[in-house]
């Protein structure tokens, strides 16, 4: 019969070609395709496809923008211009989701596509605030058990690339039913945390004030859950505000400040410390002076991180119009500015601007878009309202 012939017809594309086409789609589009056909669902739900998708996605890293105003977070992504692109570029930010109820205000931790909010109130879930891990692109989230957090403590999200497992590191006490906190009695002893954490190849690093040494970098192996102190006296000093970054697989610290040059002009001084030898505790310092007018006259910005291409990214702190992200190559000593458009009239207006957190080298990963990991949805993607 005609139906039997249809069932035995050879597909227009082979499975390998179909799989490769799907692997080049945005993550949300690939996820939608799972629901359109049983055959497509079987192809797109395999670990092999998730690995292939990640391989393709890694070749097109993006910038992730987390914009906070009055406890409401709005998430955007944009293309991340590569070093070979033109000197000045304009990119458009794509809106994804909104996340409400954050009472910690601007404190969050990022690792491998997910964001941890340490203190969120979701009325439908509990009367208490809880840590929440969410996917900023899909809006999926997981609520963690209540945690009593000390005043000077912080919570950090880490990812073990071998075991493919996310873990939250925090100081505090708590418990729960489906999930529970494990207490490490041999945790490090220090006064308080001084920086956000950076996760590099399964290891969390953050700066802390120690009781005996001036300052230390705390190293936490996400897989083994072992701690280690790295002496970091080079970061001591009241005026040193350090951002830890991933410098080509090594932990590094960046400090920036405005100073007067010999000709009395104001310039930006960027100091970079790279941990070249962990065993010898060897920190190598380099200082760069940026005098370009496009960055000197924009004072409110922060270091977002370093791209896989070796550029330090500096992003403006608020959604002004125009809004710029700067890429500085320390090896070539070059600086380029990229204008980012698309945050919407409300966030760009003078009285309703949002504060921006920027994360570099954001890569879409289907394995963390899986509903098995993040079971609840805190927001539904919708059109941005100006």
Protein backbone atom coordinates (compact mmCIF):
# COMPACT_ATOMS: atom_id res chain seq x y z
CA UNK A 1 0.00 0.00 0.00
CA UNK A 2 0.96 3.66 -0.25
CA UNK A 3 1.38 3.81 3.56
CA UNK A 4 3.70 0.79 3.55
CA UNK A 5 5.79 2.39 0.81
CA UNK A 6 6.03 5.60 2.81
CA UNK A 7 7.26 3.70 5.84
CA UNK A 8 10.01 2.03 3.80
CA UNK A 9 11.19 5.16 1.98
CA UNK A 10 14.81 6.12 2.44
CA UNK A 11 15.21 9.40 4.40
CA UNK A 12 16.36 12.39 2.37
CA UNK A 13 19.31 12.82 4.76
CA UNK A 14 21.32 10.09 6.43
CA UNK A 15 21.28 9.92 10.22
CA UNK A 16 24.84 11.29 10.38
CA UNK A 17 23.94 14.33 8.26
CA UNK A 18 20.73 14.92 10.23
CA UNK A 19 22.64 14.70 13.51
CA UNK A 20 25.27 17.18 12.29
CA UNK A 21 22.55 19.65 11.20
CA UNK A 22 20.86 19.47 14.60
CA UNK A 23 24.20 19.93 16.35
CA UNK A 24 24.60 23.33 14.69
CA UNK A 25 21.27 24.68 15.98
CA UNK A 26 20.87 26.88 19.07
CA UNK A 27 20.22 24.82 22.19
CA UNK A 28 16.60 25.93 22.54
CA UNK A 29 15.86 24.99 18.92
CA UNK A 30 17.47 21.57 19.34
CA UNK A 31 15.46 21.00 22.50
CA UNK A 32 12.22 21.88 20.68
CA UNK A 33 13.04 19.42 17.89
CA UNK A 34 13.03 16.60 20.44
CA UNK A 35 9.28 17.03 20.81
CA UNK A 36 8.46 16.95 17.07
CA UNK A 37 9.33 13.36 16.24
CA UNK A 38 10.10 10.12 18.07
CA UNK A 39 12.96 9.49 15.68
CA UNK A 40 14.40 12.97 16.29
CA UNK A 41 13.92 12.54 20.02
CA UNK A 42 15.92 9.30 19.98
CA UNK A 43 18.74 11.01 18.06
CA UNK A 44 18.82 14.19 20.14
CA UNK A 45 18.63 12.49 23.53
CA UNK A 46 21.82 10.44 23.29
CA UNK A 47 25.06 11.30 25.14
CA UNK A 48 26.89 11.15 21.80
CA UNK A 49 24.70 13.91 20.37
CA UNK A 50 25.16 16.05 23.50
CA UNK A 51 28.93 15.69 23.07
CA UNK A 52 28.74 16.57 19.36
CA UNK A 53 26.54 19.58 20.12
CA UNK A 54 29.03 20.81 22.73
CA UNK A 55 31.87 20.44 20.21
CA UNK A 56 30.07 22.65 17.67
CA UNK A 57 28.88 25.10 20.35
CA UNK A 58 32.43 25.54 21.64
CA UNK A 59 33.44 27.01 18.29
CA UNK A 60 30.92 29.86 18.73
CA UNK A 61 31.26 31.12 22.32
CA UNK A 62 28.95 33.92 23.42
CA UNK A 63 28.82 36.64 26.04
CA UNK A 64 26.25 36.08 28.80
CA UNK A 65 24.75 39.23 30.34
CA UNK A 66 22.99 38.99 33.72
CA UNK A 67 21.25 42.31 34.41
CA UNK A 68 19.93 42.96 37.94
CA UNK A 69 17.51 45.64 39.10
CA UNK A 70 15.62 45.50 42.42
CA UNK A 71 16.08 41.73 42.75
CA UNK A 72 14.89 40.98 39.21
CA UNK A 73 17.48 39.41 36.90
CA UNK A 74 17.18 39.55 33.13
CA UNK A 75 19.42 37.36 30.98
CA UNK A 76 20.77 38.06 27.50
CA UNK A 77 23.44 36.54 25.28
CA UNK A 78 25.28 37.99 22.32
CA UNK A 79 27.95 36.79 19.90
CA UNK A 80 31.44 37.09 21.35
CA UNK A 81 33.54 38.88 18.72
CA UNK A 82 36.71 37.02 17.93
CA UNK A 83 40.19 38.63 17.92
CA UNK A 84 40.36 38.65 14.12
CA UNK A 85 37.19 40.77 13.86
CA UNK A 86 37.28 44.48 13.04
CA UNK A 87 38.53 47.10 15.50
CA UNK A 88 35.05 48.35 16.35
CA UNK A 89 31.95 46.17 16.21
CA UNK A 90 28.27 46.29 17.09
CA UNK A 91 26.47 43.16 18.35
CA UNK A 92 22.87 42.61 19.42
CA UNK A 93 21.94 41.03 22.74
CA UNK A 94 19.26 38.33 22.60
CA UNK A 95 16.80 38.20 25.49
CA UNK A 96 16.18 34.80 27.09
CA UNK A 97 14.54 34.75 30.53
CA UNK A 98 13.77 36.72 33.68
CA UNK A 99 14.39 35.55 37.24
CA UNK A 100 12.70 37.20 40.21
CA UNK A 101 12.96 36.84 43.99
CA UNK A 102 16.71 37.25 44.53
CA UNK A 103 17.26 38.92 47.90
CA UNK A 104 21.06 38.65 47.86
CA UNK A 105 21.20 41.40 45.20
CA UNK A 106 24.05 40.99 42.76
CA UNK A 107 25.71 38.03 44.50
CA UNK A 108 25.84 35.06 42.16
CA UNK A 109 28.28 32.39 41.02
CA UNK A 110 28.73 30.98 37.51
CA UNK A 111 30.09 27.67 36.23
CA UNK A 112 29.70 25.90 32.87
CA UNK A 113 26.44 27.52 31.81
CA UNK A 114 24.60 27.57 35.15
CA UNK A 115 24.25 30.31 37.77
CA UNK A 116 23.94 29.94 41.54
CA UNK A 117 21.89 32.49 43.49
CA UNK A 118 22.63 31.95 47.20
CA UNK A 119 19.51 33.60 48.62
CA UNK A 120 16.23 33.43 46.69
CA UNK A 121 12.64 33.61 47.89
CA UNK A 122 10.12 31.66 45.81
CA UNK A 123 6.69 32.11 47.45
CA UNK A 124 5.20 28.94 45.94
CA UNK A 125 8.04 26.82 47.33
CA UNK A 126 8.73 28.01 50.88
CA UNK A 127 8.51 30.87 53.33
CA UNK A 128 12.31 30.78 53.65
CA UNK A 129 14.95 31.84 51.18
CA UNK A 130 16.97 29.08 49.53
CA UNK A 131 19.97 28.75 47.25
CA UNK A 132 18.87 28.24 43.65
CA UNK A 133 20.80 26.97 40.63
CA UNK A 134 19.31 28.05 37.32
CA UNK A 135 19.92 27.88 33.61
CA UNK A 136 19.77 31.53 32.48
CA UNK A 137 18.84 30.67 28.90
CA UNK A 138 16.05 28.13 29.43
CA UNK A 139 14.75 29.41 32.79
CA UNK A 140 14.94 25.93 34.35
CA UNK A 141 16.08 25.83 37.97
CA UNK A 142 16.69 23.59 41.00
CA UNK A 143 16.04 24.71 44.57
CA UNK A 144 18.62 23.62 47.13
CA UNK A 145 17.86 22.97 50.83
CA UNK A 146 17.76 25.89 53.24
CA UNK A 147 21.22 27.00 54.33
CA UNK A 148 22.11 29.20 57.27
CA UNK A 149 24.85 31.38 55.83
CA UNK A 150 27.32 33.28 57.99
CA UNK A 151 27.65 37.01 57.46
CA UNK A 152 31.13 36.85 55.88
CA UNK A 153 30.63 33.61 53.94
CA UNK A 154 29.91 33.11 50.25
CA UNK A 155 28.50 30.30 48.15
CA UNK A 156 30.20 29.15 44.94
CA UNK A 157 29.17 26.91 42.07
CA UNK A 158 31.74 24.48 40.67
CA UNK A 159 31.69 21.89 37.89
CA UNK A 160 33.58 18.59 37.68
CA UNK A 161 34.21 17.98 33.94
CA UNK A 162 35.21 14.35 34.54
CA UNK A 163 32.20 13.28 36.56
CA UNK A 164 29.95 15.81 34.75
CA UNK A 165 28.69 17.01 38.14
CA UNK A 166 27.89 20.43 39.59
CA UNK A 167 28.59 21.13 43.25
CA UNK A 168 27.89 24.09 45.51
CA UNK A 169 30.52 25.10 48.06
CA UNK A 170 29.31 27.16 51.01
CA UNK A 171 29.92 27.86 54.67
CA UNK A 172 26.78 27.24 56.71
CA UNK A 173 24.45 24.65 58.10
CA UNK A 174 21.32 23.20 56.55
CA UNK A 175 19.42 20.14 55.44
CA UNK A 176 16.69 18.85 53.17
CA UNK A 177 14.80 15.87 51.86
CA UNK A 178 15.75 15.15 48.24
CA UNK A 179 19.03 17.07 48.53
CA UNK A 180 21.20 17.63 51.57
CA UNK A 181 24.35 19.49 52.52
CA UNK A 182 27.45 17.51 53.50
CA UNK A 183 29.69 19.04 56.15
CA UNK A 184 33.47 18.96 55.72
CA UNK A 185 35.08 19.07 59.14
CA UNK A 186 38.52 19.55 57.58
CA UNK A 187 37.58 22.71 55.70
CA UNK A 188 40.05 25.60 55.58
CA UNK A 189 40.20 28.16 58.38
CA UNK A 190 40.40 31.80 57.33
CA UNK A 191 38.86 35.12 58.29
CA UNK A 192 36.66 35.93 55.30
CA UNK A 193 36.37 35.70 51.53
CA UNK A 194 37.59 38.63 49.44
CA UNK A 195 36.55 37.72 45.89
CA UNK A 196 34.24 35.76 43.71
CA UNK A 197 35.34 32.27 42.70
CA UNK A 198 36.53 31.12 39.30
CA UNK A 199 36.19 27.47 38.24
CA UNK A 200 39.07 26.25 36.05
CA UNK A 201 39.10 22.65 34.83
CA UNK A 202 37.20 21.35 37.84
CA UNK A 203 38.93 23.48 40.47
CA UNK A 204 37.45 26.47 42.32
CA UNK A 205 39.74 29.36 43.27
CA UNK A 206 38.88 32.35 45.45
CA UNK A 207 40.82 34.96 47.41
CA UNK A 208 40.58 35.01 51.20
CA UNK A 209 41.97 36.92 54.18
CA UNK A 210 43.98 34.48 56.26
CA UNK A 211 44.74 34.67 59.97
CA UNK A 212 48.52 34.20 59.63
CA UNK A 213 49.40 35.03 56.01
CA UNK A 214 48.33 38.37 54.51
CA UNK A 215 46.14 36.88 51.80
CA UNK A 216 45.71 33.45 50.25
CA UNK A 217 44.00 31.91 47.25
CA UNK A 218 41.87 28.99 48.39
CA UNK A 219 41.93 26.05 45.96
CA UNK A 220 39.02 23.58 46.10
CA UNK A 221 39.03 20.48 43.90
CA UNK A 222 35.39 19.92 42.96
CA UNK A 223 35.86 16.20 42.32
CA UNK A 224 37.96 15.20 45.35
CA UNK A 225 36.55 17.97 47.57
CA UNK A 226 40.03 18.72 48.92
CA UNK A 227 41.18 22.20 49.95
CA UNK A 228 44.60 23.82 49.56
CA UNK A 229 46.02 27.25 50.38
CA UNK A 230 48.14 29.17 47.85
CA UNK A 231 50.09 32.10 49.26
CA UNK A 232 49.02 35.35 47.60
CA UNK A 233 50.79 38.12 49.45
CA UNK A 234 51.08 39.94 46.13
CA UNK A 235 47.39 40.82 46.50
CA UNK A 236 47.80 42.42 49.93
CA UNK A 237 46.97 46.07 50.35
CA UNK A 238 43.84 48.04 51.10
CA UNK A 239 43.61 49.45 47.58
CA UNK A 240 43.99 46.12 45.78
CA UNK A 241 40.60 44.83 44.56
CA UNK A 242 41.34 41.64 42.65
CA UNK A 243 39.27 39.79 40.08
CA UNK A 244 40.39 36.19 39.61
CA UNK A 245 40.36 35.01 35.99
CA UNK A 246 41.21 31.96 33.90
CA UNK A 247 44.46 32.89 32.16
CA UNK A 248 44.98 30.14 29.55
CA UNK A 249 44.23 27.42 32.11
CA UNK A 250 46.11 29.13 34.96
CA UNK A 251 44.60 31.12 37.80
CA UNK A 252 45.41 34.82 37.62
CA UNK A 253 44.35 38.03 39.32
CA UNK A 254 43.57 41.40 37.75
CA UNK A 255 43.49 44.78 39.45
CA UNK A 256 42.66 48.06 37.71
CA UNK A 257 42.75 51.72 38.66
CA UNK A 258 42.98 55.17 37.14
CA UNK A 259 46.29 56.98 37.56
CA UNK A 260 48.01 60.09 36.21
CA UNK A 261 50.63 59.54 33.53
CA UNK A 262 53.83 61.58 33.25
CA UNK A 263 52.04 64.06 31.00
CA UNK A 264 49.31 64.50 33.67
CA UNK A 265 46.74 62.69 31.53
CA UNK A 266 44.46 60.15 33.20
CA UNK A 267 45.14 56.57 32.09
CA UNK A 268 43.93 53.14 33.14
CA UNK A 269 46.55 50.96 34.82
CA UNK A 270 45.83 47.25 34.53
CA UNK A 271 47.89 44.93 36.76
CA UNK A 272 47.95 41.19 36.00
CA UNK A 273 49.36 38.49 38.29
CA UNK A 274 49.63 34.96 36.83
CA UNK A 275 50.35 31.88 38.98
CA UNK A 276 53.05 30.35 36.78
CA UNK A 277 54.23 27.71 39.26
CA UNK A 278 51.90 26.34 41.95
CA UNK A 279 54.60 24.33 43.74
CA UNK A 280 57.04 27.27 43.92
CA UNK A 281 54.22 29.74 44.58
CA UNK A 282 55.50 31.88 41.71
CA UNK A 283 53.25 34.81 40.77
CA UNK A 284 54.43 36.80 37.75
CA UNK A 285 53.20 40.40 37.52
CA UNK A 286 52.70 42.49 34.38
CA UNK A 287 51.41 46.07 34.22
CA UNK A 288 49.64 47.56 31.23
CA UNK A 289 48.64 51.18 30.62
CA UNK A 290 45.50 51.87 28.59
CA UNK A 291 45.21 55.45 27.41
CA UNK A 292 42.54 55.09 24.72
CA UNK A 293 39.84 57.71 25.17
CA UNK A 294 37.04 55.20 24.63
CA UNK A 295 37.85 53.45 27.93
CA UNK A 296 39.40 56.26 29.97
CA UNK A 297 36.23 58.38 29.83
CA UNK A 298 34.02 55.46 30.93
CA UNK A 299 34.84 54.94 34.59
CA UNK A 300 32.17 52.47 35.69
CA UNK A 301 33.27 49.08 34.43
CA UNK A 302 34.62 45.78 35.76
CA UNK A 303 36.81 42.94 34.54
CA UNK A 304 34.56 40.12 33.32
CA UNK A 305 37.28 37.55 32.64
CA UNK A 306 39.56 36.33 29.87
CA UNK A 307 38.42 34.70 26.65
CA UNK A 308 39.86 31.48 25.28
CA UNK A 309 41.47 33.67 22.63
CA UNK A 310 43.59 35.40 25.27
CA UNK A 311 41.76 38.74 25.59
CA UNK A 312 40.89 40.32 28.95
CA UNK A 313 37.29 41.51 28.86
CA UNK A 314 36.20 44.72 30.59
CA UNK A 315 32.48 45.48 30.66
CA UNK A 316 30.50 48.53 31.73
CA UNK A 317 28.71 48.09 35.07
CA UNK A 318 25.33 49.54 34.06
CA UNK A 319 23.06 49.28 31.01
CA UNK A 320 23.80 52.74 29.65
CA UNK A 321 23.19 53.68 26.05
CA UNK A 322 25.51 53.13 24.33
CA UNK A 323 26.83 50.12 26.26
CA UNK A 324 30.35 48.85 25.58
CA UNK A 325 32.43 45.75 26.21
CA UNK A 326 36.20 46.10 25.76
CA UNK A 327 38.67 43.41 24.71
CA UNK A 328 42.32 43.88 25.68
CA UNK A 329 45.03 41.57 24.30
CA UNK A 330 47.99 41.71 26.73
CA UNK A 331 50.35 40.00 24.28
CA UNK A 332 49.65 42.39 21.41
CA UNK A 333 48.86 45.33 23.73
CA UNK A 334 45.74 46.13 21.69
CA UNK A 335 42.31 47.30 22.84
CA UNK A 336 39.04 47.16 20.91
CA UNK A 337 35.54 48.20 21.88
CA UNK A 338 32.31 46.42 21.00
CA UNK A 339 28.92 48.13 21.35
CA UNK A 340 26.14 45.90 22.65
CA UNK A 341 22.58 46.83 21.72
CA UNK A 342 19.21 45.32 22.60
CA UNK A 343 18.77 45.62 26.39
CA UNK A 344 15.52 47.52 25.85
CA UNK A 345 14.44 51.11 26.48
CA UNK A 346 13.52 50.54 30.13
CA UNK A 347 16.88 49.08 31.18
CA UNK A 348 18.72 51.74 29.19
CA UNK A 349 16.77 54.69 30.62
CA UNK A 350 18.61 56.92 33.10
CA UNK A 351 16.37 56.19 36.12
CA UNK A 352 15.82 52.47 35.55
CA UNK A 353 19.21 51.16 34.49
CA UNK A 354 20.25 47.70 35.60
CA UNK A 355 23.58 46.53 36.98
CA UNK A 356 25.36 44.11 34.66
CA UNK A 357 27.35 40.95 35.26
CA UNK A 358 29.12 39.65 32.15
CA UNK A 359 30.41 36.10 31.71
CA UNK A 360 32.77 35.29 28.84
CA UNK A 361 33.03 32.17 26.68
CA UNK A 362 29.44 31.12 27.40
CA UNK A 363 28.84 27.85 25.57
CA UNK A 364 25.44 26.20 25.13
CA UNK A 365 25.54 22.67 26.51
CA UNK A 366 22.56 20.35 26.06
CA UNK A 367 23.65 18.20 28.99
CA UNK A 368 22.85 21.05 31.41
CA UNK A 369 19.60 21.91 29.61
CA UNK A 370 18.24 18.49 30.57
CA UNK A 371 15.12 18.59 32.73
CA UNK A 372 16.51 15.72 34.81
CA UNK A 373 18.95 18.15 36.39
CA UNK A 374 16.82 21.30 36.56
CA UNK A 375 13.22 20.23 37.11
CA UNK A 376 11.35 23.47 37.73
CA UNK A 377 10.78 26.49 35.55
CA UNK A 378 10.99 29.91 37.15
CA UNK A 379 10.16 31.92 34.05
CA UNK A 380 8.81 31.46 30.55
CA UNK A 381 10.81 33.00 27.68
CA UNK A 382 8.85 35.92 26.23
CA UNK A 383 9.34 39.02 24.15
CA UNK A 384 11.19 41.88 25.85
CA UNK A 385 8.91 44.73 26.82
CA UNK A 386 10.38 48.21 26.38
